[in-house]
């Protein structure tokens, strides 16, 4: 992260902006499936939320069917009741952990990104939990919107504070200070 950025994805240095481009200041971080429509709830935001809600539920149900077919394959292979029970238990535990970690990711950034990297395999096994977390969160907001909005508003407030403290001509202030000290 650069020294000039206020929050992840919101750099305040606008020297790389094209002439006549976007407004100066921090820019909102885009969300998956929503882009930056979450800022003003425009650009089909409502339809996107309905689509994400329905899509994540359909994907979770389809995943459950796939797992059911996999379990039936274990029964056909006659691997035994213990193996079948362990597979079901593994998917249930991994789904619960994936749900919790995904849900927490909507409200705060991970304290230790390396811990999240180590959990990536476990979360991919419990993908149904992640899909269900996405489904439930999309009823209230775009998943992750509260976190990004808080970061964006904080970055805007810092930017406005910095901009307001920089108003005026700095050369005029230096000259005024020099004249005052020269008189006294």
N, C-alpha and C. Protein backbone atom coordinates (compact mmCIF):
# COMPACT_ATOMS: atom_id res chain seq x y z
N UNK A 1 0.85 -1.16 0.00
CA UNK A 1 0.00 0.00 0.00
C UNK A 1 0.89 1.22 0.00
N UNK A 2 0.55 2.16 -0.82
CA UNK A 2 1.38 3.36 -0.91
C UNK A 2 1.09 4.29 0.26
N UNK A 3 1.99 5.22 0.44
CA UNK A 3 1.87 6.17 1.53
C UNK A 3 0.68 7.09 1.33
N UNK A 4 0.29 7.31 0.08
CA UNK A 4 -0.78 8.25 -0.21
C UNK A 4 -2.17 7.63 -0.17
N UNK A 5 -2.27 6.33 -0.11
CA UNK A 5 -3.60 5.73 -0.14
C UNK A 5 -4.20 5.69 1.25
N UNK A 6 -5.49 5.89 1.32
CA UNK A 6 -6.19 5.96 2.59
C UNK A 6 -6.68 4.60 3.05
N UNK A 7 -7.18 3.81 2.15
CA UNK A 7 -7.67 2.48 2.44
C UNK A 7 -7.39 1.62 1.22
N UNK A 8 -7.43 0.30 1.37
CA UNK A 8 -7.15 -0.54 0.21
C UNK A 8 -8.06 -0.20 -0.96
N UNK A 9 -7.46 0.05 -2.10
CA UNK A 9 -8.24 0.34 -3.30
C UNK A 9 -8.69 1.78 -3.42
N UNK A 10 -8.25 2.66 -2.52
CA UNK A 10 -8.69 4.05 -2.58
C UNK A 10 -7.51 5.00 -2.56
N UNK A 11 -6.69 4.99 -3.61
CA UNK A 11 -5.56 5.91 -3.60
C UNK A 11 -6.03 7.35 -3.76
N UNK A 12 -5.36 8.26 -3.06
CA UNK A 12 -5.76 9.67 -3.17
C UNK A 12 -4.86 10.43 -4.12
N UNK A 13 -3.77 9.83 -4.59
CA UNK A 13 -2.89 10.48 -5.54
C UNK A 13 -3.54 10.41 -6.92
N UNK A 14 -3.86 11.54 -7.49
CA UNK A 14 -4.58 11.55 -8.76
C UNK A 14 -3.71 12.02 -9.89
N UNK A 15 -2.40 12.00 -9.72
CA UNK A 15 -1.51 12.48 -10.77
C UNK A 15 -1.56 11.58 -12.00
N UNK A 16 -2.02 10.33 -11.83
CA UNK A 16 -2.09 9.42 -12.97
C UNK A 16 -3.44 9.47 -13.68
N UNK A 17 -4.34 10.35 -13.25
CA UNK A 17 -5.64 10.44 -13.88
C UNK A 17 -5.53 11.17 -15.21
N UNK A 18 -6.29 10.74 -16.21
CA UNK A 18 -6.28 11.46 -17.47
C UNK A 18 -6.98 12.80 -17.32
N UNK A 19 -6.62 13.74 -18.19
CA UNK A 19 -7.26 15.04 -18.15
C UNK A 19 -8.75 14.88 -18.43
N UNK A 20 -9.57 15.48 -17.60
CA UNK A 20 -11.01 15.37 -17.76
C UNK A 20 -11.53 14.03 -17.29
N UNK A 21 -10.74 13.29 -16.51
CA UNK A 21 -11.14 11.96 -16.03
C UNK A 21 -12.04 12.07 -14.82
N UNK A 22 -11.91 11.13 -13.94
CA UNK A 22 -12.75 11.11 -12.75
C UNK A 22 -12.32 12.19 -11.78
N UNK A 23 -13.14 12.41 -10.79
CA UNK A 23 -12.85 13.44 -9.81
C UNK A 23 -11.65 13.04 -8.96
N UNK A 24 -10.92 14.04 -8.47
CA UNK A 24 -9.77 13.71 -7.62
C UNK A 24 -10.23 13.19 -6.27
N UNK A 25 -9.35 12.48 -5.62
CA UNK A 25 -9.66 11.96 -4.29
C UNK A 25 -9.72 10.45 -4.30
N UNK A 26 -10.06 9.90 -3.16
CA UNK A 26 -10.13 8.44 -3.06
C UNK A 26 -11.26 7.89 -3.93
N UNK A 27 -11.02 6.71 -4.45
CA UNK A 27 -12.02 6.04 -5.28
C UNK A 27 -12.52 4.81 -4.54
N UNK A 28 -13.80 4.47 -4.69
CA UNK A 28 -14.33 3.30 -3.99
C UNK A 28 -13.74 2.01 -4.57
N UNK A 29 -13.58 1.03 -3.70
CA UNK A 29 -13.08 -0.28 -4.11
C UNK A 29 -14.25 -1.07 -4.69
N UNK A 30 -14.10 -1.63 -5.88
CA UNK A 30 -15.21 -2.39 -6.47
C UNK A 30 -15.45 -3.70 -5.74
N UNK A 31 -16.71 -4.11 -5.70
CA UNK A 31 -17.11 -5.39 -5.12
C UNK A 31 -17.40 -6.38 -6.25
N UNK A 32 -17.16 -7.64 -5.98
CA UNK A 32 -17.45 -8.68 -6.97
C UNK A 32 -18.94 -8.65 -7.31
N UNK A 33 -19.25 -8.68 -8.58
CA UNK A 33 -20.60 -8.65 -9.17
C UNK A 33 -21.26 -7.27 -9.10
N UNK A 34 -20.71 -6.33 -8.33
CA UNK A 34 -21.36 -5.03 -8.15
C UNK A 34 -20.53 -3.87 -8.68
N UNK A 35 -19.25 -4.07 -8.85
CA UNK A 35 -18.40 -2.96 -9.24
C UNK A 35 -18.46 -1.87 -8.19
N UNK A 36 -18.69 -0.64 -8.61
CA UNK A 36 -18.84 0.46 -7.65
C UNK A 36 -20.29 0.95 -7.58
N UNK A 37 -21.23 0.15 -8.04
CA UNK A 37 -22.64 0.55 -7.97
C UNK A 37 -23.14 0.60 -6.53
N UNK A 38 -22.41 -0.01 -5.60
CA UNK A 38 -22.82 -0.01 -4.20
C UNK A 38 -22.71 1.38 -3.56
N UNK A 39 -21.93 2.27 -4.14
CA UNK A 39 -21.71 3.59 -3.54
C UNK A 39 -23.02 4.38 -3.51
N UNK A 40 -23.67 4.50 -4.66
CA UNK A 40 -24.91 5.28 -4.75
C UNK A 40 -26.13 4.42 -5.01
N UNK A 41 -25.96 3.09 -4.97
CA UNK A 41 -27.04 2.14 -5.25
C UNK A 41 -27.69 2.45 -6.61
N UNK A 42 -26.85 2.69 -7.61
CA UNK A 42 -27.34 2.96 -8.95
C UNK A 42 -26.80 1.90 -9.91
N UNK A 43 -27.12 2.04 -11.17
CA UNK A 43 -26.59 1.13 -12.18
C UNK A 43 -27.08 -0.30 -12.05
N UNK A 44 -28.32 -0.48 -11.65
CA UNK A 44 -28.86 -1.83 -11.54
C UNK A 44 -28.47 -2.54 -10.25
N UNK A 45 -28.17 -1.78 -9.22
CA UNK A 45 -27.75 -2.35 -7.94
C UNK A 45 -28.79 -3.34 -7.39
N UNK A 46 -30.06 -2.94 -7.39
CA UNK A 46 -31.13 -3.80 -6.87
C UNK A 46 -31.24 -5.10 -7.65
N UNK A 47 -31.18 -5.01 -8.97
CA UNK A 47 -31.24 -6.22 -9.79
C UNK A 47 -30.03 -7.11 -9.57
N UNK A 48 -28.88 -6.50 -9.39
CA UNK A 48 -27.67 -7.28 -9.12
C UNK A 48 -27.80 -8.03 -7.80
N UNK A 49 -28.36 -7.36 -6.78
CA UNK A 49 -28.53 -8.04 -5.49
C UNK A 49 -29.48 -9.20 -5.61
N UNK A 50 -30.57 -9.02 -6.34
CA UNK A 50 -31.51 -10.13 -6.55
C UNK A 50 -30.81 -11.27 -7.29
N UNK A 51 -30.02 -10.92 -8.31
CA UNK A 51 -29.30 -11.94 -9.07
C UNK A 51 -28.27 -12.68 -8.23
N UNK A 52 -27.55 -11.95 -7.39
CA UNK A 52 -26.55 -12.58 -6.52
C UNK A 52 -27.23 -13.47 -5.49
N UNK A 53 -28.34 -13.02 -4.94
CA UNK A 53 -29.07 -13.82 -3.96
C UNK A 53 -29.55 -15.12 -4.59
N UNK A 54 -30.22 -15.01 -5.72
CA UNK A 54 -30.73 -16.20 -6.39
C UNK A 54 -29.60 -17.09 -6.89
N UNK A 55 -28.57 -16.49 -7.45
CA UNK A 55 -27.46 -17.27 -7.99
C UNK A 55 -26.71 -18.04 -6.92
N UNK A 56 -26.48 -17.42 -5.77
CA UNK A 56 -25.76 -18.13 -4.72
C UNK A 56 -26.60 -19.26 -4.13
N UNK A 57 -27.91 -19.07 -4.04
CA UNK A 57 -28.78 -20.15 -3.56
C UNK A 57 -28.82 -21.30 -4.56
N UNK A 58 -28.96 -20.98 -5.83
CA UNK A 58 -28.98 -22.03 -6.86
C UNK A 58 -27.65 -22.79 -6.88
N UNK A 59 -26.56 -22.07 -6.75
CA UNK A 59 -25.24 -22.72 -6.74
C UNK A 59 -25.09 -23.61 -5.51
N UNK A 60 -25.59 -23.18 -4.35
CA UNK A 60 -25.50 -24.00 -3.14
C UNK A 60 -26.34 -25.27 -3.27
N UNK A 61 -27.53 -25.14 -3.83
CA UNK A 61 -28.39 -26.32 -4.03
C UNK A 61 -27.74 -27.28 -5.03
N UNK A 62 -27.20 -26.74 -6.12
CA UNK A 62 -26.52 -27.60 -7.10
C UNK A 62 -25.32 -28.29 -6.48
N UNK A 63 -24.59 -27.60 -5.62
CA UNK A 63 -23.44 -28.20 -4.95
C UNK A 63 -23.87 -29.32 -4.02
N UNK A 64 -25.00 -29.14 -3.35
CA UNK A 64 -25.52 -30.21 -2.49
C UNK A 64 -25.87 -31.45 -3.30
N UNK A 65 -26.44 -31.26 -4.50
CA UNK A 65 -26.73 -32.40 -5.35
C UNK A 65 -25.45 -33.10 -5.80
N UNK A 66 -24.44 -32.34 -6.13
CA UNK A 66 -23.15 -32.93 -6.53
C UNK A 66 -22.57 -33.75 -5.38
N UNK A 67 -22.62 -33.20 -4.18
CA UNK A 67 -22.13 -33.95 -3.02
C UNK A 67 -22.97 -35.19 -2.74
N UNK A 68 -24.25 -35.09 -2.98
CA UNK A 68 -25.12 -36.27 -2.81
C UNK A 68 -24.72 -37.37 -3.78
N UNK A 69 -24.45 -37.00 -5.03
CA UNK A 69 -24.02 -38.00 -6.02
C UNK A 69 -22.67 -38.60 -5.63
N UNK A 70 -21.81 -37.78 -5.09
CA UNK A 70 -20.50 -38.29 -4.64
C UNK A 70 -20.69 -39.28 -3.49
N UNK A 71 -21.59 -38.97 -2.57
CA UNK A 71 -21.86 -39.89 -1.47
C UNK A 71 -22.46 -41.19 -1.97
N UNK A 72 -23.36 -41.09 -2.96
CA UNK A 72 -23.92 -42.30 -3.55
C UNK A 72 -22.84 -43.13 -4.23
N UNK A 73 -21.85 -42.48 -4.80
CA UNK A 73 -20.72 -43.20 -5.38
C UNK A 73 -19.95 -43.97 -4.33
N UNK A 74 -19.81 -43.38 -3.14
CA UNK A 74 -19.15 -44.09 -2.04
C UNK A 74 -19.97 -45.30 -1.60
N UNK A 75 -21.30 -45.15 -1.60
CA UNK A 75 -22.15 -46.29 -1.24
C UNK A 75 -22.05 -47.40 -2.26
N UNK A 76 -22.00 -47.03 -3.54
CA UNK A 76 -21.87 -48.03 -4.60
C UNK A 76 -20.54 -48.75 -4.49
N UNK A 77 -19.50 -48.01 -4.12
CA UNK A 77 -18.17 -48.60 -3.98
C UNK A 77 -18.06 -49.44 -2.71
N UNK A 78 -19.05 -49.38 -1.86
CA UNK A 78 -19.09 -50.14 -0.61
C UNK A 78 -17.82 -49.95 0.21
N UNK A 79 -17.49 -48.68 0.46
CA UNK A 79 -16.29 -48.38 1.23
C UNK A 79 -16.52 -48.53 2.73
N UNK A 80 -17.74 -48.62 3.15
CA UNK A 80 -18.05 -48.81 4.56
C UNK A 80 -18.71 -47.59 5.16
N UNK A 81 -19.39 -47.82 6.26
CA UNK A 81 -20.13 -46.75 6.93
C UNK A 81 -19.23 -45.71 7.57
N UNK A 82 -18.07 -46.16 8.06
CA UNK A 82 -17.17 -45.23 8.72
C UNK A 82 -16.63 -44.19 7.75
N UNK A 83 -16.23 -44.63 6.55
CA UNK A 83 -15.70 -43.70 5.55
C UNK A 83 -16.80 -42.72 5.12
N UNK A 84 -17.98 -43.22 4.90
CA UNK A 84 -19.10 -42.35 4.51
C UNK A 84 -19.40 -41.32 5.58
N UNK A 85 -19.38 -41.76 6.84
CA UNK A 85 -19.64 -40.84 7.94
C UNK A 85 -18.53 -39.79 8.05
N UNK A 86 -17.28 -40.19 7.84
CA UNK A 86 -16.17 -39.25 7.89
C UNK A 86 -16.25 -38.21 6.77
N UNK A 87 -16.67 -38.64 5.59
CA UNK A 87 -16.80 -37.70 4.47
C UNK A 87 -17.88 -36.67 4.76
N UNK A 88 -19.03 -37.12 5.28
CA UNK A 88 -20.12 -36.22 5.61
C UNK A 88 -19.67 -35.26 6.72
N UNK A 89 -18.99 -35.78 7.73
CA UNK A 89 -18.52 -34.95 8.83
C UNK A 89 -17.49 -33.92 8.34
N UNK A 90 -16.60 -34.35 7.44
CA UNK A 90 -15.59 -33.43 6.91
C UNK A 90 -16.26 -32.27 6.15
N UNK A 91 -17.22 -32.58 5.30
CA UNK A 91 -17.89 -31.51 4.55
C UNK A 91 -18.71 -30.61 5.47
N UNK A 92 -19.31 -31.17 6.51
CA UNK A 92 -20.09 -30.35 7.44
C UNK A 92 -19.19 -29.40 8.22
N UNK A 93 -18.07 -29.89 8.73
CA UNK A 93 -17.16 -29.04 9.50
C UNK A 93 -16.53 -27.99 8.60
N UNK A 94 -16.08 -28.40 7.42
CA UNK A 94 -15.46 -27.43 6.49
C UNK A 94 -16.46 -26.38 6.05
N UNK A 95 -17.71 -26.77 5.84
CA UNK A 95 -18.74 -25.80 5.45
C UNK A 95 -19.02 -24.82 6.57
N UNK A 96 -19.03 -25.29 7.81
CA UNK A 96 -19.27 -24.40 8.95
C UNK A 96 -18.12 -23.40 9.09
N UNK A 97 -16.90 -23.86 8.94
CA UNK A 97 -15.75 -22.95 9.04
C UNK A 97 -15.74 -21.95 7.89
N UNK A 98 -16.04 -22.44 6.68
CA UNK A 98 -16.08 -21.55 5.51
C UNK A 98 -17.18 -20.51 5.67
N UNK A 99 -18.34 -20.90 6.20
CA UNK A 99 -19.42 -19.95 6.43
C UNK A 99 -18.96 -18.86 7.39
N UNK A 100 -18.37 -19.25 8.50
CA UNK A 100 -17.94 -18.29 9.52
C UNK A 100 -16.88 -17.33 8.97
N UNK A 101 -15.89 -17.87 8.30
CA UNK A 101 -14.80 -17.03 7.77
C UNK A 101 -15.31 -16.10 6.66
N UNK A 102 -16.20 -16.60 5.83
CA UNK A 102 -16.77 -15.76 4.77
C UNK A 102 -17.61 -14.64 5.38
N UNK A 103 -18.41 -14.97 6.37
CA UNK A 103 -19.26 -13.99 7.03
C UNK A 103 -18.41 -12.92 7.71
N UNK A 104 -17.34 -13.33 8.38
CA UNK A 104 -16.44 -12.37 9.02
C UNK A 104 -15.76 -11.48 7.99
N UNK A 105 -15.48 -12.03 6.82
CA UNK A 105 -14.83 -11.26 5.77
C UNK A 105 -15.70 -10.14 5.22
N UNK A 106 -17.00 -10.21 5.44
CA UNK A 106 -17.90 -9.16 4.99
C UNK A 106 -17.86 -7.95 5.92
N UNK A 107 -17.41 -8.12 7.16
CA UNK A 107 -17.48 -7.04 8.13
C UNK A 107 -16.12 -6.48 8.53
N UNK A 108 -15.04 -7.24 8.32
CA UNK A 108 -13.72 -6.72 8.68
C UNK A 108 -12.66 -7.42 7.83
N UNK A 109 -11.56 -6.73 7.67
CA UNK A 109 -10.41 -7.29 6.95
C UNK A 109 -9.73 -8.30 7.87
N UNK A 110 -9.15 -9.35 7.29
CA UNK A 110 -8.47 -10.33 8.14
C UNK A 110 -7.25 -9.72 8.83
N UNK A 111 -7.08 -10.05 10.11
CA UNK A 111 -5.94 -9.52 10.87
C UNK A 111 -4.64 -10.12 10.36
N UNK A 112 -4.68 -11.38 9.96
CA UNK A 112 -3.49 -12.09 9.49
C UNK A 112 -3.79 -12.70 8.12
N UNK A 113 -3.40 -12.03 7.03
CA UNK A 113 -3.68 -12.57 5.69
C UNK A 113 -3.05 -13.94 5.45
N UNK A 114 -1.93 -14.24 6.10
CA UNK A 114 -1.32 -15.56 5.89
C UNK A 114 -2.19 -16.66 6.48
N UNK A 115 -2.92 -16.35 7.56
CA UNK A 115 -3.85 -17.33 8.13
C UNK A 115 -4.98 -17.61 7.14
N UNK A 116 -5.45 -16.58 6.47
CA UNK A 116 -6.50 -16.76 5.47
C UNK A 116 -5.99 -17.61 4.31
N UNK A 117 -4.74 -17.42 3.93
CA UNK A 117 -4.16 -18.23 2.85
C UNK A 117 -4.08 -19.70 3.26
N UNK A 118 -3.77 -19.95 4.52
CA UNK A 118 -3.70 -21.35 4.98
C UNK A 118 -5.08 -21.99 5.02
N UNK A 119 -6.11 -21.19 5.20
CA UNK A 119 -7.48 -21.73 5.26
C UNK A 119 -8.13 -21.86 3.88
N UNK A 120 -7.43 -21.44 2.85
CA UNK A 120 -8.02 -21.45 1.51
C UNK A 120 -8.48 -22.85 1.09
N UNK A 121 -7.68 -23.86 1.33
CA UNK A 121 -8.06 -25.23 0.97
C UNK A 121 -9.27 -25.70 1.74
N UNK A 122 -9.30 -25.41 3.02
CA UNK A 122 -10.42 -25.80 3.86
C UNK A 122 -11.70 -25.09 3.40
N UNK A 123 -11.56 -23.81 3.04
CA UNK A 123 -12.73 -23.06 2.56
C UNK A 123 -13.22 -23.56 1.21
N UNK A 124 -12.31 -24.06 0.39
CA UNK A 124 -12.76 -24.58 -0.90
C UNK A 124 -13.45 -25.93 -0.74
N UNK A 125 -13.09 -26.70 0.28
CA UNK A 125 -13.82 -27.94 0.55
C UNK A 125 -15.21 -27.59 1.08
N UNK A 126 -15.30 -26.59 1.92
CA UNK A 126 -16.58 -26.17 2.49
C UNK A 126 -17.24 -25.07 1.70
N UNK A 127 -17.15 -25.12 0.39
CA UNK A 127 -17.68 -24.07 -0.48
C UNK A 127 -19.16 -23.84 -0.29
N UNK A 128 -19.90 -24.84 0.15
CA UNK A 128 -21.34 -24.66 0.35
C UNK A 128 -21.58 -23.64 1.46
N UNK A 129 -20.77 -23.67 2.51
CA UNK A 129 -20.89 -22.68 3.58
C UNK A 129 -20.64 -21.27 3.07
N UNK A 130 -19.65 -21.12 2.19
CA UNK A 130 -19.38 -19.79 1.63
C UNK A 130 -20.54 -19.31 0.78
N UNK A 131 -21.11 -20.21 0.00
CA UNK A 131 -22.25 -19.84 -0.84
C UNK A 131 -23.46 -19.44 0.01
N UNK A 132 -23.68 -20.17 1.10
CA UNK A 132 -24.80 -19.82 1.98
C UNK A 132 -24.57 -18.49 2.69
N UNK A 133 -23.34 -18.21 3.08
CA UNK A 133 -23.04 -16.91 3.69
C UNK A 133 -23.30 -15.79 2.69
N UNK A 134 -22.88 -16.00 1.45
CA UNK A 134 -23.11 -15.01 0.40
C UNK A 134 -24.62 -14.80 0.19
N UNK A 135 -25.37 -15.91 0.17
CA UNK A 135 -26.81 -15.86 0.00
C UNK A 135 -27.47 -15.04 1.12
N UNK A 136 -27.14 -15.35 2.36
CA UNK A 136 -27.77 -14.66 3.48
C UNK A 136 -27.38 -13.19 3.56
N UNK A 137 -26.12 -12.89 3.28
CA UNK A 137 -25.67 -11.50 3.37
C UNK A 137 -26.28 -10.62 2.28
N UNK A 138 -26.54 -11.22 1.12
CA UNK A 138 -27.06 -10.42 0.01
C UNK A 138 -28.51 -10.00 0.23
N UNK A 139 -29.19 -10.55 1.23
CA UNK A 139 -30.52 -10.04 1.58
C UNK A 139 -30.43 -8.64 2.17
N UNK A 140 -29.36 -8.38 2.92
CA UNK A 140 -29.21 -7.11 3.62
C UNK A 140 -28.49 -6.06 2.79
N UNK A 141 -27.43 -6.48 2.09
CA UNK A 141 -26.59 -5.55 1.34
C UNK A 141 -25.78 -6.35 0.33
N UNK A 142 -25.03 -5.63 -0.47
CA UNK A 142 -24.04 -6.30 -1.31
C UNK A 142 -22.99 -6.85 -0.37
N UNK A 143 -22.66 -8.13 -0.46
CA UNK A 143 -21.71 -8.71 0.50
C UNK A 143 -20.39 -7.93 0.53
N UNK A 144 -20.07 -7.40 1.70
CA UNK A 144 -18.87 -6.61 1.89
C UNK A 144 -19.10 -5.11 1.77
N UNK A 145 -20.33 -4.70 1.51
CA UNK A 145 -20.62 -3.28 1.29
C UNK A 145 -20.35 -2.45 2.53
N UNK A 146 -20.73 -2.90 3.70
CA UNK A 146 -20.53 -2.13 4.92
C UNK A 146 -19.05 -1.86 5.16
N UNK A 147 -18.23 -2.88 5.01
CA UNK A 147 -16.79 -2.72 5.20
C UNK A 147 -16.22 -1.72 4.21
N UNK A 148 -16.54 -1.89 2.93
CA UNK A 148 -16.00 -0.99 1.91
C UNK A 148 -16.53 0.43 2.09
N UNK A 149 -17.80 0.57 2.48
CA UNK A 149 -18.38 1.90 2.68
C UNK A 149 -17.68 2.61 3.84
N UNK A 150 -17.44 1.91 4.92
CA UNK A 150 -16.75 2.50 6.07
C UNK A 150 -15.35 2.96 5.67
N UNK A 151 -14.62 2.11 4.96
CA UNK A 151 -13.27 2.47 4.52
C UNK A 151 -13.30 3.66 3.56
N UNK A 152 -14.27 3.64 2.65
CA UNK A 152 -14.37 4.71 1.66
C UNK A 152 -14.73 6.05 2.32
N UNK A 153 -15.69 6.04 3.25
CA UNK A 153 -16.08 7.29 3.92
C UNK A 153 -14.95 7.82 4.78
N UNK A 154 -14.19 6.92 5.42
CA UNK A 154 -13.03 7.34 6.20
C UNK A 154 -11.99 7.98 5.29
N UNK A 155 -11.75 7.36 4.14
CA UNK A 155 -10.78 7.91 3.19
C UNK A 155 -11.24 9.26 2.66
N UNK A 156 -12.54 9.40 2.38
CA UNK A 156 -13.07 10.69 1.92
C UNK A 156 -12.90 11.76 2.99
N UNK A 157 -13.19 11.43 4.24
CA UNK A 157 -13.06 12.41 5.33
C UNK A 157 -11.60 12.85 5.47
N UNK A 158 -10.67 11.92 5.40
CA UNK A 158 -9.24 12.27 5.49
C UNK A 158 -8.83 13.14 4.31
N UNK A 159 -9.31 12.78 3.14
CA UNK A 159 -8.97 13.55 1.94
C UNK A 159 -9.51 14.98 2.06
N UNK A 160 -10.76 15.11 2.49
CA UNK A 160 -11.35 16.45 2.63
C UNK A 160 -10.59 17.26 3.67
N UNK A 161 -10.19 16.62 4.76
CA UNK A 161 -9.44 17.33 5.80
C UNK A 161 -8.09 17.80 5.26
N UNK A 162 -7.41 16.95 4.50
CA UNK A 162 -6.13 17.33 3.91
C UNK A 162 -6.31 18.45 2.89
N UNK A 163 -7.36 18.35 2.08
CA UNK A 163 -7.61 19.37 1.06
C UNK A 163 -7.93 20.71 1.70
N UNK A 164 -8.71 20.71 2.75
CA UNK A 164 -9.09 21.97 3.38
C UNK A 164 -7.90 22.62 4.09
N UNK A 165 -6.97 21.82 4.56
CA UNK A 165 -5.80 22.41 5.22
C UNK A 165 -4.79 22.93 4.22
N UNK A 166 -4.95 22.57 2.95
CA UNK A 166 -4.01 23.01 1.91
C UNK A 166 -4.54 24.17 1.08
N UNK A 167 -5.62 24.78 1.48
CA UNK A 167 -6.17 25.87 0.66
C UNK A 167 -5.30 27.11 0.75
N UNK A 168 -5.32 27.88 -0.27
CA UNK A 168 -4.54 29.11 -0.30
C UNK A 168 -3.19 28.90 -0.97
N UNK A 169 -2.47 29.97 -1.08
CA UNK A 169 -1.16 29.96 -1.72
C UNK A 169 -0.08 29.80 -0.65
N UNK A 170 0.66 28.70 -0.65
CA UNK A 170 1.70 28.53 0.37
C UNK A 170 2.79 29.59 0.30
N UNK A 171 3.08 30.10 -0.86
CA UNK A 171 4.11 31.13 -1.00
C UNK A 171 3.68 32.41 -0.29
N UNK A 172 2.41 32.73 -0.36
CA UNK A 172 1.91 33.92 0.30
C UNK A 172 2.03 33.78 1.81
N UNK A 173 1.80 32.57 2.31
CA UNK A 173 1.94 32.36 3.75
C UNK A 173 3.39 32.51 4.18
N UNK A 174 4.33 32.02 3.39
CA UNK A 174 5.74 32.15 3.74
C UNK A 174 6.15 33.61 3.75
N UNK A 175 5.69 34.37 2.76
CA UNK A 175 6.02 35.80 2.68
C UNK A 175 5.44 36.57 3.85
N UNK A 176 4.24 36.22 4.25
CA UNK A 176 3.58 36.92 5.35
C UNK A 176 4.31 36.64 6.66
N UNK A 177 4.75 35.42 6.86
CA UNK A 177 5.48 35.09 8.08
C UNK A 177 6.82 35.81 8.10
N UNK A 178 7.48 35.89 6.95
CA UNK A 178 8.78 36.54 6.88
C UNK A 178 8.67 38.03 7.18
N UNK A 179 7.60 38.66 6.68
CA UNK A 179 7.43 40.10 6.92
C UNK A 179 7.16 40.38 8.38
N UNK A 180 6.35 39.51 8.99
CA UNK A 180 6.03 39.74 10.39
C UNK A 180 7.27 39.59 11.28
N UNK A 181 8.06 38.56 11.00
CA UNK A 181 9.24 38.36 11.83
C UNK A 181 10.30 39.42 11.57
N UNK A 182 10.30 40.01 10.37
CA UNK A 182 11.27 41.04 10.05
C UNK A 182 10.98 42.35 10.76
N UNK A 183 9.71 42.62 11.04
CA UNK A 183 9.32 43.86 11.70
C UNK A 183 9.65 43.84 13.19
N UNK A 184 9.51 42.68 13.78
CA UNK A 184 9.60 42.63 15.24
C UNK A 184 10.95 42.41 15.72
